[in-house]
Amino acid sequence: MSSSARCSEDVDLVGMILEAVSQVPEGRVTTYGDVARALGDARAARAVAEVLSHVDCSGVPRHRVVNAEGDTGIDATGSTPMDQARLLREERVAVRNGKVEGLDGVRFTDLIVPPILCRLREEQEALRPSVIESDDFAMSNCVTGLDVSYSEVKACVALVRMDVESLEVVEVRCAIGEVRFPYIPGYLGYRELPMVRKVYEASVHDVLLIDGQGVLHPRGFGIACQVGVCLNAATIGAAKSLLTGTVAGNGARTEILVDGKVRGMRLRPKGGRGVFVSVGHRVSLETACAVCERLMIKGVPEPLRLAHAYATKERKRMEMET
């Protein structure tokens, strides 16, 4: 049996974004893309914008960040583009019609922060060979679904353990926590693994269904792989959308090809939307599909559907209390 591997957790990407923005001097601006590139991946620009729109930026010159065209935006305090334009003008930055004039002349790109996203990609590449794509677990009567529901910087995780014979729910666990890693495609494991640990106990569970990709991932190491390798758990990726690959057909069980190789299956029952299934860790693709098909009652595997419902219910309760 495989052993667990160490991977980065509790990465405070929100804090790093705010640190980068704090470095922009008065009279200068930077862009969401500039901050993302400094962190190691230009594709994180949207995540940077989301953080600056929803996180308390007290003491951070958020108004000095614009989009690639120089357009002003909205921050977490409810300020409007007009407010941002006023603040920039007070710092002698020319703004006309909501756009910074002469952007290149006032653009600040010397942001000094760790290129953490580059390092995390390297970590995923290093951990990928640890994935076991064959059956390496003790089969039992139970399968567990995991899902996370978000409310800005907080999240609720739910775990639902179900008996596959009776379809009865054996166990439900929920937990709440703060999330300091925004959603960036390809890095979901770093966002959700700390939440998963809040409800996971290795001595209890046999197969985990994860709402996300396994090996069907741009780097072959999605969240289902990351959870499996880092927790030494048998995991299956069952995602609602596709990050990579080509669906080779239109049947109830259709191969998904990456570079000509089968890396996953789309399971789509009659009248249902279906899921994209791939190996996470210690479970073969055939077994992963068989497990999911057995539990596809309402279009997605039932433990995942229920985990989503419980996580959403807990999130709404949390929002009502705050």
C-alpha atoms as a PDB file:
ATOM      1  CA  MET A   1       0.000   0.000   0.000  1.00  0.00           C
ATOM      2  CA  SER A   2       1.253   3.467  -0.810  1.00  0.00           C
ATOM      3  CA  SER A   3       2.189   6.039   1.820  1.00  0.00           C
ATOM      4  CA  SER A   4       1.136   9.663   1.988  1.00  0.00           C
ATOM      5  CA  ALA A   5       3.298  12.404   0.473  1.00  0.00           C
ATOM      6  CA  ARG A   6       3.884  15.908   1.688  1.00  0.00           C
ATOM      7  CA  CYS A   7       2.434  18.781  -0.289  1.00  0.00           C
ATOM      8  CA  SER A   8       2.017  22.473   0.414  1.00  0.00           C
ATOM      9  CA  GLU A   9      -1.013  23.399   2.507  1.00  0.00           C
ATOM     10  CA  ASP A  10      -2.365  26.554   4.093  1.00  0.00           C
ATOM     11  CA  VAL A  11      -0.812  28.711   1.364  1.00  0.00           C
ATOM     12  CA  ASP A  12      -1.919  32.280   2.139  1.00  0.00           C
ATOM     13  CA  LEU A  13      -2.248  33.480  -1.433  1.00  0.00           C
ATOM     14  CA  VAL A  14      -4.649  36.223  -0.333  1.00  0.00           C
ATOM     15  CA  GLY A  15      -1.954  37.608   1.953  1.00  0.00           C
ATOM     16  CA  MET A  16       0.609  37.484  -0.853  1.00  0.00           C
ATOM     17  CA  ILE A  17      -1.728  39.379  -3.176  1.00  0.00           C
ATOM     18  CA  LEU A  18      -2.256  42.096  -0.577  1.00  0.00           C
ATOM     19  CA  GLU A  19       1.499  42.247   0.059  1.00  0.00           C
ATOM     20  CA  ALA A  20       2.157  42.763  -3.663  1.00  0.00           C
ATOM     21  CA  VAL A  21      -0.446  45.544  -3.895  1.00  0.00           C
ATOM     22  CA  SER A  22       1.049  47.227  -0.819  1.00  0.00           C
ATOM     23  CA  GLN A  23       4.290  47.684  -2.746  1.00  0.00           C
ATOM     24  CA  VAL A  24       2.766  49.950  -5.421  1.00  0.00           C
ATOM     25  CA  PRO A  25       3.988  53.487  -4.650  1.00  0.00           C
ATOM     26  CA  GLU A  26       1.884  56.630  -4.696  1.00  0.00           C
ATOM     27  CA  GLY A  27       1.483  58.041  -8.186  1.00  0.00           C
ATOM     28  CA  ARG A  28       1.851  54.611  -9.827  1.00  0.00           C
ATOM     29  CA  VAL A  29      -0.506  51.773 -10.743  1.00  0.00           C
ATOM     30  CA  THR A  30      -0.197  48.084 -11.444  1.00  0.00           C
ATOM     31  CA  THR A  31      -2.567  45.607 -13.096  1.00  0.00           C
ATOM     32  CA  TYR A  32      -4.239  42.422 -11.966  1.00  0.00           C
ATOM     33  CA  GLY A  33      -2.106  40.587 -14.519  1.00  0.00           C
ATOM     34  CA  ASP A  34       1.103  42.168 -13.173  1.00  0.00           C
ATOM     35  CA  VAL A  35       0.294  40.876  -9.683  1.00  0.00           C
ATOM     36  CA  ALA A  36      -0.557  37.431 -11.080  1.00  0.00           C
ATOM     37  CA  ARG A  37       2.702  37.255 -13.036  1.00  0.00           C
ATOM     38  CA  ALA A  38       4.669  38.217  -9.942  1.00  0.00           C
ATOM     39  CA  LEU A  39       2.984  35.310  -8.136  1.00  0.00           C
ATOM     40  CA  GLY A  40       3.994  32.930 -10.903  1.00  0.00           C
ATOM     41  CA  ASP A  41       1.011  32.555 -13.261  1.00  0.00           C
ATOM     42  CA  ALA A  42      -0.597  35.252 -15.421  1.00  0.00           C
ATOM     43  CA  ARG A  43      -3.787  33.149 -15.553  1.00  0.00           C
ATOM     44  CA  ALA A  44      -4.415  34.087 -11.917  1.00  0.00           C
ATOM     45  CA  ALA A  45      -5.334  37.671 -12.899  1.00  0.00           C
ATOM     46  CA  ARG A  46      -9.064  37.046 -12.416  1.00  0.00           C
ATOM     47  CA  ALA A  47      -8.382  35.568  -8.969  1.00  0.00           C
ATOM     48  CA  VAL A  48      -6.416  38.705  -8.035  1.00  0.00           C
ATOM     49  CA  ALA A  49      -9.383  40.843  -9.074  1.00  0.00           C
ATOM     50  CA  GLU A  50     -11.764  38.640  -7.067  1.00  0.00           C
ATOM     51  CA  VAL A  51      -9.633  38.939  -3.933  1.00  0.00           C
ATOM     52  CA  LEU A  52      -9.421  42.721  -4.217  1.00  0.00           C
ATOM     53  CA  SER A  53     -13.192  42.895  -4.757  1.00  0.00           C
ATOM     54  CA  HIS A  54     -14.226  40.741  -1.801  1.00  0.00           C
ATOM     55  CA  VAL A  55     -11.493  40.937   0.825  1.00  0.00           C
ATOM     56  CA  ASP A  56     -11.093  43.717   3.367  1.00  0.00           C
ATOM     57  CA  CYS A  57      -8.248  45.790   1.918  1.00  0.00           C
ATOM     58  CA  SER A  58      -7.917  48.231   4.824  1.00  0.00           C
ATOM     59  CA  GLY A  59      -4.476  49.813   4.723  1.00  0.00           C
ATOM     60  CA  VAL A  60      -3.777  48.390   1.254  1.00  0.00           C
ATOM     61  CA  PRO A  61      -3.773  50.793  -1.750  1.00  0.00           C
ATOM     62  CA  ARG A  62      -6.249  48.712  -3.717  1.00  0.00           C
ATOM     63  CA  HIS A  63      -7.145  51.769  -5.786  1.00  0.00           C
ATOM     64  CA  ARG A  64      -3.721  51.518  -7.462  1.00  0.00           C
ATOM     65  CA  VAL A  65      -4.688  48.294  -9.253  1.00  0.00           C
ATOM     66  CA  VAL A  66      -6.462  48.456 -12.620  1.00  0.00           C
ATOM     67  CA  ASN A  67      -7.128  46.027 -15.429  1.00  0.00           C
ATOM     68  CA  ALA A  68      -4.881  45.557 -18.453  1.00  0.00           C
ATOM     69  CA  GLU A  69      -6.571  48.448 -20.290  1.00  0.00           C
ATOM     70  CA  GLY A  70      -6.261  50.798 -17.329  1.00  0.00           C
ATOM     71  CA  ASP A  71      -9.947  50.671 -16.376  1.00  0.00           C
ATOM     72  CA  THR A  72     -10.871  51.348 -12.762  1.00  0.00           C
ATOM     73  CA  GLY A  73     -12.974  48.890 -10.742  1.00  0.00           C
ATOM     74  CA  ILE A  74     -14.800  48.235  -7.464  1.00  0.00           C
ATOM     75  CA  ASP A  75     -13.353  47.159  -4.121  1.00  0.00           C
ATOM     76  CA  ALA A  76     -14.666  45.308  -1.084  1.00  0.00           C
ATOM     77  CA  THR A  77     -15.910  48.477   0.626  1.00  0.00           C
ATOM     78  CA  GLY A  78     -18.382  49.122  -2.171  1.00  0.00           C
ATOM     79  CA  SER A  79     -16.406  51.976  -3.715  1.00  0.00           C
ATOM     80  CA  THR A  80     -17.229  52.732  -7.317  1.00  0.00           C
ATOM     81  CA  PRO A  81     -14.890  53.262 -10.291  1.00  0.00           C
ATOM     82  CA  MET A  82     -15.508  56.993  -9.753  1.00  0.00           C
ATOM     83  CA  ASP A  83     -14.097  56.733  -6.211  1.00  0.00           C
ATOM     84  CA  GLN A  84     -11.038  54.932  -7.497  1.00  0.00           C
ATOM     85  CA  ALA A  85     -10.523  57.552 -10.195  1.00  0.00           C
ATOM     86  CA  ARG A  86     -10.721  60.322  -7.570  1.00  0.00           C
ATOM     87  CA  LEU A  87      -8.131  58.641  -5.364  1.00  0.00           C
ATOM     88  CA  LEU A  88      -5.781  58.185  -8.297  1.00  0.00           C
ATOM     89  CA  ARG A  89      -6.170  61.808  -9.376  1.00  0.00           C
ATOM     90  CA  GLU A  90      -5.302  62.890  -5.844  1.00  0.00           C
ATOM     91  CA  GLU A  91      -2.022  61.021  -6.370  1.00  0.00           C
ATOM     92  CA  ARG A  92      -1.474  62.839  -9.681  1.00  0.00           C
ATOM     93  CA  VAL A  93      -2.395  59.884 -11.894  1.00  0.00           C
ATOM     94  CA  ALA A  94      -4.308  61.057 -14.958  1.00  0.00           C
ATOM     95  CA  VAL A  95      -7.699  59.364 -15.317  1.00  0.00           C
ATOM     96  CA  ARG A  96     -10.191  60.166 -18.063  1.00  0.00           C
ATOM     97  CA  ASN A  97     -13.546  58.461 -18.541  1.00  0.00           C
ATOM     98  CA  GLY A  98     -12.666  55.806 -15.969  1.00  0.00           C
ATOM     99  CA  LYS A  99      -9.384  54.878 -17.639  1.00  0.00           C
ATOM    100  CA  VAL A 100      -5.785  55.633 -16.621  1.00  0.00           C
ATOM    101  CA  GLU A 101      -4.132  57.716 -19.323  1.00  0.00           C
ATOM    102  CA  GLY A 102      -0.604  56.824 -20.367  1.00  0.00           C
ATOM    103  CA  LEU A 103      -0.755  53.538 -18.476  1.00  0.00           C
ATOM    104  CA  ASP A 104       2.724  52.405 -19.494  1.00  0.00           C
ATOM    105  CA  GLY A 105       4.254  55.583 -18.113  1.00  0.00           C
ATOM    106  CA  VAL A 106       2.870  55.062 -14.591  1.00  0.00           C
ATOM    107  CA  ARG A 107       2.798  51.279 -14.532  1.00  0.00           C
ATOM    108  CA  PHE A 108       4.677  49.640 -11.644  1.00  0.00           C
ATOM    109  CA  THR A 109       5.785  46.033 -12.152  1.00  0.00           C
ATOM    110  CA  ASP A 110       8.677  45.644  -9.701  1.00  0.00           C
ATOM    111  CA  LEU A 111       6.594  43.579  -7.313  1.00  0.00           C
ATOM    112  CA  ILE A 112       8.681  41.460  -4.965  1.00  0.00           C
ATOM    113  CA  VAL A 113       6.694  38.426  -3.817  1.00  0.00           C
ATOM    114  CA  PRO A 114       7.464  34.689  -3.960  1.00  0.00           C
ATOM    115  CA  PRO A 115       6.501  33.130  -7.333  1.00  0.00           C
ATOM    116  CA  ILE A 116       4.397  30.692  -5.358  1.00  0.00           C
ATOM    117  CA  LEU A 117       2.195  29.505  -8.220  1.00  0.00           C
ATOM    118  CA  CYS A 118       5.243  28.486 -10.229  1.00  0.00           C
ATOM    119  CA  ARG A 119       6.468  26.501  -7.227  1.00  0.00           C
ATOM    120  CA  LEU A 120       3.090  24.824  -6.780  1.00  0.00           C
ATOM    121  CA  ARG A 121       3.063  23.743 -10.438  1.00  0.00           C
ATOM    122  CA  GLU A 122       6.499  22.235  -9.929  1.00  0.00           C
ATOM    123  CA  GLU A 123       5.211  20.450  -6.849  1.00  0.00           C
ATOM    124  CA  GLN A 124       2.291  18.979  -8.792  1.00  0.00           C
ATOM    125  CA  GLU A 125       4.712  17.732 -11.449  1.00  0.00           C
ATOM    126  CA  ALA A 126       6.925  16.185  -8.753  1.00  0.00           C
ATOM    127  CA  LEU A 127       3.999  14.446  -7.032  1.00  0.00           C
ATOM    128  CA  ARG A 128       2.361  13.163 -10.217  1.00  0.00           C
ATOM    129  CA  PRO A 129       4.499   9.963 -10.402  1.00  0.00           C
ATOM    130  CA  SER A 130       3.169   9.029  -6.934  1.00  0.00           C
ATOM    131  CA  VAL A 131      -0.336   8.473  -8.320  1.00  0.00           C
ATOM    132  CA  ILE A 132      -1.357   4.794  -8.388  1.00  0.00           C
ATOM    133  CA  GLU A 133      -3.810   4.117 -11.228  1.00  0.00           C
ATOM    134  CA  SER A 134      -4.719   0.564 -10.207  1.00  0.00           C
ATOM    135  CA  ASP A 135      -6.962  -0.823  -7.469  1.00  0.00           C
ATOM    136  CA  ASP A 136      -4.997  -0.655  -4.216  1.00  0.00           C
ATOM    137  CA  PHE A 137      -7.662  -0.493  -1.511  1.00  0.00           C
ATOM    138  CA  ALA A 138      -9.961  -2.738   0.501  1.00  0.00           C
ATOM    139  CA  MET A 139     -13.418  -2.679  -1.057  1.00  0.00           C
ATOM    140  CA  SER A 140     -16.242  -2.041   1.398  1.00  0.00           C
ATOM    141  CA  ASN A 141     -19.943  -1.302   1.284  1.00  0.00           C
ATOM    142  CA  CYS A 142     -19.450   2.430   1.742  1.00  0.00           C
ATOM    143  CA  VAL A 143     -18.426   5.286  -0.551  1.00  0.00           C
ATOM    144  CA  THR A 144     -17.869   8.847   0.677  1.00  0.00           C
ATOM    145  CA  GLY A 145     -18.589  12.105  -1.133  1.00  0.00           C
ATOM    146  CA  LEU A 146     -16.830  15.392  -0.386  1.00  0.00           C
ATOM    147  CA  ASP A 147     -17.802  18.889  -1.472  1.00  0.00           C
ATOM    148  CA  VAL A 148     -17.038  22.475  -0.454  1.00  0.00           C
ATOM    149  CA  SER A 149     -19.328  25.521  -0.678  1.00  0.00           C
ATOM    150  CA  TYR A 150     -17.865  29.043  -0.563  1.00  0.00           C
ATOM    151  CA  SER A 151     -18.944  32.391   0.813  1.00  0.00           C
ATOM    152  CA  GLU A 152     -16.257  34.901  -0.164  1.00  0.00           C
ATOM    153  CA  VAL A 153     -13.303  34.093   2.146  1.00  0.00           C
ATOM    154  CA  LYS A 154     -15.100  31.434   4.197  1.00  0.00           C
ATOM    155  CA  ALA A 155     -16.146  27.932   3.215  1.00  0.00           C
ATOM    156  CA  CYS A 156     -18.177  24.974   4.404  1.00  0.00           C
ATOM    157  CA  VAL A 157     -17.054  21.419   3.699  1.00  0.00           C
ATOM    158  CA  ALA A 158     -19.365  18.428   3.892  1.00  0.00           C
ATOM    159  CA  LEU A 159     -18.590  14.723   3.968  1.00  0.00           C
ATOM    160  CA  VAL A 160     -21.349  12.169   3.286  1.00  0.00           C
ATOM    161  CA  ARG A 161     -20.671   8.445   3.750  1.00  0.00           C
ATOM    162  CA  MET A 162     -23.206   6.192   2.039  1.00  0.00           C
ATOM    163  CA  ASP A 163     -23.907   2.468   1.996  1.00  0.00           C
ATOM    164  CA  VAL A 164     -23.829   1.452  -1.669  1.00  0.00           C
ATOM    165  CA  GLU A 165     -26.246  -1.462  -1.154  1.00  0.00           C
ATOM    166  CA  SER A 166     -29.040   0.264   0.750  1.00  0.00           C
ATOM    167  CA  LEU A 167     -28.182   3.836  -0.376  1.00  0.00           C
ATOM    168  CA  GLU A 168     -28.629   4.878   3.218  1.00  0.00           C
ATOM    169  CA  VAL A 169     -26.510   7.710   4.614  1.00  0.00           C
ATOM    170  CA  VAL A 170     -24.185   6.267   7.252  1.00  0.00           C
ATOM    171  CA  GLU A 171     -22.446   9.465   8.326  1.00  0.00           C
ATOM    172  CA  VAL A 172     -22.459  13.218   7.703  1.00  0.00           C
ATOM    173  CA  ARG A 173     -19.771  15.650   8.815  1.00  0.00           C
ATOM    174  CA  CYS A 174     -19.567  19.385   8.196  1.00  0.00           C
ATOM    175  CA  ALA A 175     -16.979  22.002   9.081  1.00  0.00           C
ATOM    176  CA  ILE A 176     -16.419  25.709   8.502  1.00  0.00           C
ATOM    177  CA  GLY A 177     -13.122  27.450   7.847  1.00  0.00           C
ATOM    178  CA  GLU A 178     -11.439  30.473   6.311  1.00  0.00           C
ATOM    179  CA  VAL A 179     -10.010  30.070   2.824  1.00  0.00           C
ATOM    180  CA  ARG A 180      -6.911  32.043   1.910  1.00  0.00           C
ATOM    181  CA  PHE A 181      -6.448  30.618  -1.577  1.00  0.00           C
ATOM    182  CA  PRO A 182      -8.790  31.950  -4.305  1.00  0.00           C
ATOM    183  CA  TYR A 183     -10.072  29.727  -7.087  1.00  0.00           C
ATOM    184  CA  ILE A 184      -7.583  29.397  -9.944  1.00  0.00           C
ATOM    185  CA  PRO A 185      -8.141  26.671 -12.574  1.00  0.00           C
ATOM    186  CA  GLY A 186      -5.549  23.939 -12.097  1.00  0.00           C
ATOM    187  CA  TYR A 187      -4.834  24.720  -8.425  1.00  0.00           C
ATOM    188  CA  LEU A 188      -8.077  23.573  -6.771  1.00  0.00           C
ATOM    189  CA  GLY A 189      -6.263  21.111  -4.514  1.00  0.00           C
ATOM    190  CA  TYR A 190      -4.414  23.919  -2.746  1.00  0.00           C
ATOM    191  CA  ARG A 191      -7.713  25.688  -2.130  1.00  0.00           C
ATOM    192  CA  GLU A 192      -9.668  22.706  -0.803  1.00  0.00           C
ATOM    193  CA  LEU A 193      -7.249  20.224   0.806  1.00  0.00           C
ATOM    194  CA  PRO A 194      -7.036  22.171   4.106  1.00  0.00           C
ATOM    195  CA  MET A 195     -10.859  22.088   4.277  1.00  0.00           C
ATOM    196  CA  VAL A 196     -10.969  18.361   3.478  1.00  0.00           C
ATOM    197  CA  ARG A 197      -8.647  17.646   6.400  1.00  0.00           C
ATOM    198  CA  LYS A 198     -11.228  19.142   8.749  1.00  0.00           C
ATOM    199  CA  VAL A 199     -13.657  16.268   8.128  1.00  0.00           C
ATOM    200  CA  TYR A 200     -11.472  13.399   6.930  1.00  0.00           C
ATOM    201  CA  GLU A 201     -10.346  10.501   9.125  1.00  0.00           C
ATOM    202  CA  ALA A 202      -8.204   7.886   7.403  1.00  0.00           C
ATOM    203  CA  SER A 203      -9.409   5.068   9.672  1.00  0.00           C
ATOM    204  CA  VAL A 204     -13.023   5.411   8.502  1.00  0.00           C
ATOM    205  CA  HIS A 205     -13.168   5.878   4.738  1.00  0.00           C
ATOM    206  CA  ASP A 206     -12.442   3.508   1.882  1.00  0.00           C
ATOM    207  CA  VAL A 207     -13.171   5.386  -1.370  1.00  0.00           C
ATOM    208  CA  LEU A 208     -13.573   9.159  -1.610  1.00  0.00           C
ATOM    209  CA  LEU A 209     -15.515  10.802  -4.429  1.00  0.00           C
ATOM    210  CA  ILE A 210     -14.084  14.264  -5.063  1.00  0.00           C
ATOM    211  CA  ASP A 211     -15.943  17.008  -6.927  1.00  0.00           C
ATOM    212  CA  GLY A 212     -13.038  17.782  -9.257  1.00  0.00           C
ATOM    213  CA  GLN A 213     -10.490  16.279 -11.601  1.00  0.00           C
ATOM    214  CA  GLY A 214      -8.032  13.464 -11.008  1.00  0.00           C
ATOM    215  CA  VAL A 215      -5.468  12.655 -13.715  1.00  0.00           C
ATOM    216  CA  LEU A 216      -7.778  14.371 -16.229  1.00  0.00           C
ATOM    217  CA  HIS A 217      -5.991  17.630 -15.491  1.00  0.00           C
ATOM    218  CA  PRO A 218      -3.595  19.902 -17.430  1.00  0.00           C
ATOM    219  CA  ARG A 219      -0.696  18.640 -15.281  1.00  0.00           C
ATOM    220  CA  GLY A 220      -2.140  15.174 -14.669  1.00  0.00           C
ATOM    221  CA  PHE A 221      -2.535  15.947 -10.959  1.00  0.00           C
ATOM    222  CA  GLY A 222      -5.916  17.388 -10.077  1.00  0.00           C
ATOM    223  CA  ILE A 223      -7.540  17.728  -6.680  1.00  0.00           C
ATOM    224  CA  ALA A 224      -8.601  14.060  -6.530  1.00  0.00           C
ATOM    225  CA  CYS A 225      -4.958  13.050  -7.041  1.00  0.00           C
ATOM    226  CA  GLN A 226      -3.729  15.612  -4.527  1.00  0.00           C
ATOM    227  CA  VAL A 227      -6.176  14.540  -1.834  1.00  0.00           C
ATOM    228  CA  GLY A 228      -5.382  10.888  -2.509  1.00  0.00           C
ATOM    229  CA  VAL A 229      -1.595  11.206  -2.509  1.00  0.00           C
ATOM    230  CA  CYS A 230      -1.408  13.629   0.423  1.00  0.00           C
ATOM    231  CA  LEU A 231      -3.880  11.682   2.597  1.00  0.00           C
ATOM    232  CA  ASN A 232      -2.942   8.222   1.278  1.00  0.00           C
ATOM    233  CA  ALA A 233      -6.597   7.723   0.367  1.00  0.00           C
ATOM    234  CA  ALA A 234      -8.345   5.879  -2.440  1.00  0.00           C
ATOM    235  CA  THR A 235      -9.937   8.666  -4.474  1.00  0.00           C
ATOM    236  CA  ILE A 236     -11.990   9.203  -7.622  1.00  0.00           C
ATOM    237  CA  GLY A 237     -12.353  12.468  -9.507  1.00  0.00           C
ATOM    238  CA  ALA A 238     -15.941  13.198 -10.603  1.00  0.00           C
ATOM    239  CA  ALA A 239     -16.092  16.688 -12.099  1.00  0.00           C
ATOM    240  CA  LYS A 240     -18.970  18.618 -13.631  1.00  0.00           C
ATOM    241  CA  SER A 241     -16.765  20.338 -16.229  1.00  0.00           C
ATOM    242  CA  LEU A 242     -13.753  19.431 -18.349  1.00  0.00           C
ATOM    243  CA  LEU A 243     -10.344  21.112 -17.976  1.00  0.00           C
ATOM    244  CA  THR A 244      -8.506  19.180 -20.666  1.00  0.00           C
ATOM    245  CA  GLY A 245      -8.998  16.379 -23.184  1.00  0.00           C
ATOM    246  CA  THR A 246     -11.411  15.512 -25.985  1.00  0.00           C
ATOM    247  CA  VAL A 247     -14.657  13.613 -25.506  1.00  0.00           C
ATOM    248  CA  ALA A 248     -14.558  10.842 -28.135  1.00  0.00           C
ATOM    249  CA  GLY A 249     -18.257  10.229 -28.658  1.00  0.00           C
ATOM    250  CA  ASN A 250     -21.699  10.854 -27.268  1.00  0.00           C
ATOM    251  CA  GLY A 251     -22.713   7.710 -25.387  1.00  0.00           C
ATOM    252  CA  ALA A 252     -23.623   6.927 -21.806  1.00  0.00           C
ATOM    253  CA  ARG A 253     -19.969   6.040 -21.129  1.00  0.00           C
ATOM    254  CA  THR A 254     -17.581   7.889 -23.441  1.00  0.00           C
ATOM    255  CA  GLU A 255     -13.783   7.936 -23.441  1.00  0.00           C
ATOM    256  CA  ILE A 256     -11.918  11.195 -22.899  1.00  0.00           C
ATOM    257  CA  LEU A 257      -8.615  11.359 -24.736  1.00  0.00           C
ATOM    258  CA  VAL A 258      -5.515  13.369 -23.870  1.00  0.00           C
ATOM    259  CA  ASP A 259      -2.691  13.105 -26.415  1.00  0.00           C
ATOM    260  CA  GLY A 260      -4.405  10.050 -27.848  1.00  0.00           C
ATOM    261  CA  LYS A 261      -4.604   8.205 -24.509  1.00  0.00           C
ATOM    262  CA  VAL A 262      -7.723   7.465 -22.472  1.00  0.00           C
ATOM    263  CA  ARG A 263      -7.449   9.541 -19.295  1.00  0.00           C
ATOM    264  CA  GLY A 264     -11.066   9.621 -18.203  1.00  0.00           C
ATOM    265  CA  MET A 265     -14.688   8.865 -19.007  1.00  0.00           C
ATOM    266  CA  ARG A 266     -17.781  10.967 -19.375  1.00  0.00           C
ATOM    267  CA  LEU A 267     -20.669   9.207 -17.687  1.00  0.00           C
ATOM    268  CA  ARG A 268     -24.002  10.561 -18.785  1.00  0.00           C
ATOM    269  CA  PRO A 269     -27.146   8.652 -17.835  1.00  0.00           C
ATOM    270  CA  LYS A 270     -30.239   9.120 -19.948  1.00  0.00           C
ATOM    271  CA  GLY A 271     -31.713  12.525 -19.265  1.00  0.00           C
ATOM    272  CA  GLY A 272     -28.836  13.577 -17.013  1.00  0.00           C
ATOM    273  CA  ARG A 273     -25.967  16.025 -17.336  1.00  0.00           C
ATOM    274  CA  GLY A 274     -23.419  13.507 -16.133  1.00  0.00           C
ATOM    275  CA  VAL A 275     -19.865  13.801 -14.810  1.00  0.00           C
ATOM    276  CA  PHE A 276     -16.274  13.529 -16.041  1.00  0.00           C
ATOM    277  CA  VAL A 277     -14.650  10.660 -14.151  1.00  0.00           C
ATOM    278  CA  SER A 278     -10.921  10.046 -13.775  1.00  0.00           C
ATOM    279  CA  VAL A 279      -8.474   8.255 -11.509  1.00  0.00           C
ATOM    280  CA  GLY A 280      -7.557  10.082  -8.326  1.00  0.00           C
ATOM    281  CA  HIS A 281      -5.298   7.652  -6.462  1.00  0.00           C
ATOM    282  CA  ARG A 282      -5.277   3.902  -5.762  1.00  0.00           C
ATOM    283  CA  VAL A 283      -8.408   3.295  -7.890  1.00  0.00           C
ATOM    284  CA  SER A 284      -8.432   2.087 -11.505  1.00  0.00           C
ATOM    285  CA  LEU A 285     -10.461   3.933 -14.119  1.00  0.00           C
ATOM    286  CA  GLU A 286     -12.717   0.906 -14.622  1.00  0.00           C
ATOM    287  CA  THR A 287     -13.479   0.685 -10.914  1.00  0.00           C
ATOM    288  CA  ALA A 288     -13.959   4.452 -10.708  1.00  0.00           C
ATOM    289  CA  CYS A 289     -16.564   4.304 -13.466  1.00  0.00           C
ATOM    290  CA  ALA A 290     -18.296   1.267 -11.927  1.00  0.00           C
ATOM    291  CA  VAL A 291     -18.543   2.994  -8.532  1.00  0.00           C
ATOM    292  CA  CYS A 292     -19.932   6.195 -10.042  1.00  0.00           C
ATOM    293  CA  GLU A 293     -22.394   4.424 -12.338  1.00  0.00           C
ATOM    294  CA  ARG A 294     -23.778   2.433  -9.439  1.00  0.00           C
ATOM    295  CA  LEU A 295     -24.501   5.639  -7.545  1.00  0.00           C
ATOM    296  CA  MET A 296     -25.747   7.835 -10.429  1.00  0.00           C
ATOM    297  CA  ILE A 297     -29.312   8.315  -9.222  1.00  0.00           C
ATOM    298  CA  LYS A 298     -29.947  11.964 -10.145  1.00  0.00           C
ATOM    299  CA  GLY A 299     -27.298  12.696 -12.764  1.00  0.00           C
ATOM    300  CA  VAL A 300     -24.270  12.734 -10.426  1.00  0.00           C
ATOM    301  CA  PRO A 301     -23.048  10.181  -7.865  1.00  0.00           C
ATOM    302  CA  GLU A 302     -25.416  10.383  -4.911  1.00  0.00           C
ATOM    303  CA  PRO A 303     -22.764  10.878  -2.177  1.00  0.00           C
ATOM    304  CA  LEU A 304     -21.471  13.913  -4.085  1.00  0.00           C
ATOM    305  CA  ARG A 305     -24.956  15.295  -4.645  1.00  0.00           C
ATOM    306  CA  LEU A 306     -25.744  15.012  -0.958  1.00  0.00           C
ATOM    307  CA  ALA A 307     -22.377  16.446   0.082  1.00  0.00           C
ATOM    308  CA  HIS A 308     -23.081  19.452  -2.123  1.00  0.00           C
ATOM    309  CA  ALA A 309     -26.524  19.864  -0.543  1.00  0.00           C
ATOM    310  CA  TYR A 310     -25.171  19.656   3.012  1.00  0.00           C
ATOM    311  CA  ALA A 311     -22.274  22.029   2.278  1.00  0.00           C
ATOM    312  CA  THR A 312     -24.646  24.553   0.694  1.00  0.00           C
ATOM    313  CA  LYS A 313     -27.091  24.310   3.611  1.00  0.00           C
ATOM    314  CA  GLU A 314     -24.283  24.843   6.126  1.00  0.00           C
ATOM    315  CA  ARG A 315     -22.960  27.821   4.141  1.00  0.00           C
ATOM    316  CA  LYS A 316     -26.376  29.479   4.085  1.00  0.00           C
ATOM    317  CA  ARG A 317     -26.741  28.934   7.826  1.00  0.00           C
ATOM    318  CA  MET A 318     -23.318  30.504   8.362  1.00  0.00           C
ATOM    319  CA  GLU A 319     -24.255  33.513   6.233  1.00  0.00           C
ATOM    320  CA  MET A 320     -27.457  34.062   8.191  1.00  0.00           C
ATOM    321  CA  GLU A 321     -25.499  34.089  11.448  1.00  0.00           C
ATOM    322  CA  THR A 322     -22.952  36.664  10.231  1.00  0.00           C
END
